[in-house]
Amino acid sequence: MAEIHISPLDDPGPVVIELTGSLAAANAALLDDLLTLLPERGHHEAVIDLSGARFIDSAIVATLAQAINRGTTLTIRDASGTVRRTLDASGLSRLVSIDAGPP
């Protein structure tokens, strides 16, 4: 099962979007809606926390790339294993900041 959690939009600093489980095309529309909403609410930076993600497919990668193309600065947090390999193979890891996770 996949889940998407978002930090409160009134918190200062970048919004944190936490993706958990196996994320695929079925989750891309919701993620896109969230990422589209951010600039409308004055947020131009987001942290995508992938510490709980086991898998992401090309639809999720494309959704993240579209957010970048719309001007949102993304930081990918704690991507490992298959998820990190997907980001690297797609080239997305060259377009975002990669963070190992909270200290």
Protein backbone atom coordinates (compact mmCIF):
# COMPACT_ATOMS: atom_id res chain seq x y z
CA MET A 1 0.00 0.00 0.00
CA ALA A 2 1.22 3.50 -0.85
CA GLU A 3 0.67 6.62 1.23
CA ILE A 4 1.35 10.31 0.71
CA HIS A 5 1.58 12.65 3.70
CA ILE A 6 2.17 16.39 3.59
CA SER A 7 3.32 18.75 6.34
CA PRO A 8 0.99 21.64 7.21
CA LEU A 9 1.12 24.37 4.56
CA ASP A 10 1.29 27.08 7.22
CA ASP A 11 4.55 25.73 8.68
CA PRO A 12 7.59 27.90 7.87
CA GLY A 13 10.17 26.56 5.46
CA PRO A 14 9.86 23.96 2.75
CA VAL A 15 6.85 21.68 2.72
CA VAL A 16 7.69 18.02 3.42
CA ILE A 17 5.90 15.41 1.34
CA GLU A 18 6.42 11.92 2.66
CA LEU A 19 5.97 9.04 0.19
CA THR A 20 5.74 5.53 1.62
CA GLY A 21 5.25 2.08 0.14
CA SER A 22 5.23 1.30 -3.58
CA LEU A 23 4.24 4.36 -5.58
CA ALA A 24 3.09 4.10 -9.17
CA ALA A 25 0.86 5.74 -11.76
CA ALA A 26 -2.18 5.37 -9.49
CA ASN A 27 -0.53 7.79 -7.02
CA ALA A 28 0.85 10.26 -9.55
CA ALA A 29 -2.31 12.39 -9.91
CA LEU A 30 -2.56 13.07 -6.17
CA LEU A 31 1.15 13.88 -5.95
CA ASP A 32 0.83 16.19 -8.95
CA ASP A 33 -2.15 17.95 -7.34
CA LEU A 34 -0.11 18.54 -4.17
CA LEU A 35 2.93 19.79 -6.05
CA THR A 36 0.77 22.09 -8.21
CA LEU A 37 -0.89 23.54 -5.11
CA LEU A 38 2.37 24.49 -3.41
CA PRO A 39 3.28 27.57 -5.52
CA GLU A 40 -0.34 28.72 -5.35
CA ARG A 41 0.08 28.74 -1.55
CA GLY A 42 3.43 30.56 -1.69
CA HIS A 43 5.69 27.51 -1.36
CA HIS A 44 8.38 27.18 -4.00
CA GLU A 45 10.45 24.53 -2.22
CA ALA A 46 9.53 21.01 -1.17
CA VAL A 47 11.32 18.12 0.48
CA ILE A 48 10.28 14.74 -0.88
CA ASP A 49 10.93 12.25 1.92
CA LEU A 50 11.44 8.81 0.41
CA SER A 51 12.66 7.06 3.56
CA GLY A 52 9.56 4.85 3.58
CA ALA A 53 9.31 4.31 -0.19
CA ARG A 54 10.11 0.84 -1.47
CA PHE A 55 9.46 1.54 -5.16
CA ILE A 56 8.65 4.45 -7.47
CA ASP A 57 7.79 4.12 -11.13
CA SER A 58 8.27 6.41 -14.11
CA ALA A 59 4.93 8.18 -13.48
CA ILE A 60 6.19 9.37 -10.09
CA VAL A 61 9.53 10.43 -11.60
CA ALA A 62 7.67 12.32 -14.35
CA THR A 63 5.46 14.04 -11.76
CA LEU A 64 8.52 15.22 -9.82
CA ALA A 65 10.15 16.43 -13.06
CA GLN A 66 7.02 18.39 -13.98
CA ALA A 67 7.12 20.15 -10.60
CA ILE A 68 10.71 21.16 -11.27
CA ASN A 69 9.73 22.42 -14.72
CA ARG A 70 7.01 24.55 -13.08
CA GLY A 71 9.66 26.17 -10.86
CA THR A 72 9.44 24.20 -7.62
CA THR A 73 12.80 23.43 -6.04
CA LEU A 74 12.87 19.84 -4.81
CA THR A 75 15.12 18.13 -2.30
CA ILE A 76 14.95 14.34 -2.22
CA ARG A 77 15.47 12.99 1.28
CA ASP A 78 16.67 9.51 2.19
CA ALA A 79 16.19 7.66 -1.10
CA SER A 80 17.91 4.29 -1.06
CA GLY A 81 18.01 0.98 -2.87
CA THR A 82 15.65 0.59 -5.79
CA VAL A 83 14.24 4.09 -5.34
CA ARG A 84 17.67 5.73 -5.59
CA ARG A 85 18.57 3.61 -8.62
CA THR A 86 15.34 4.73 -10.32
CA LEU A 87 16.15 8.39 -9.62
CA ASP A 88 19.69 7.93 -10.94
CA ALA A 89 18.65 5.98 -14.06
CA SER A 90 15.99 8.56 -14.94
CA GLY A 91 18.41 11.46 -14.56
CA LEU A 92 16.18 13.14 -11.99
CA SER A 93 18.90 12.89 -9.34
CA ARG A 94 20.91 15.42 -11.38
CA LEU A 95 18.07 17.97 -11.20
CA VAL A 96 17.40 17.89 -7.45
CA SER A 97 19.32 18.14 -4.21
CA ILE A 98 19.82 14.77 -2.54
CA ASP A 99 19.74 14.70 1.26
CA ALA A 100 20.71 11.62 3.25
CA GLY A 101 17.98 12.36 5.79
CA PRO A 102 17.60 14.08 9.12
CA PRO A 103 20.61 13.98 11.44
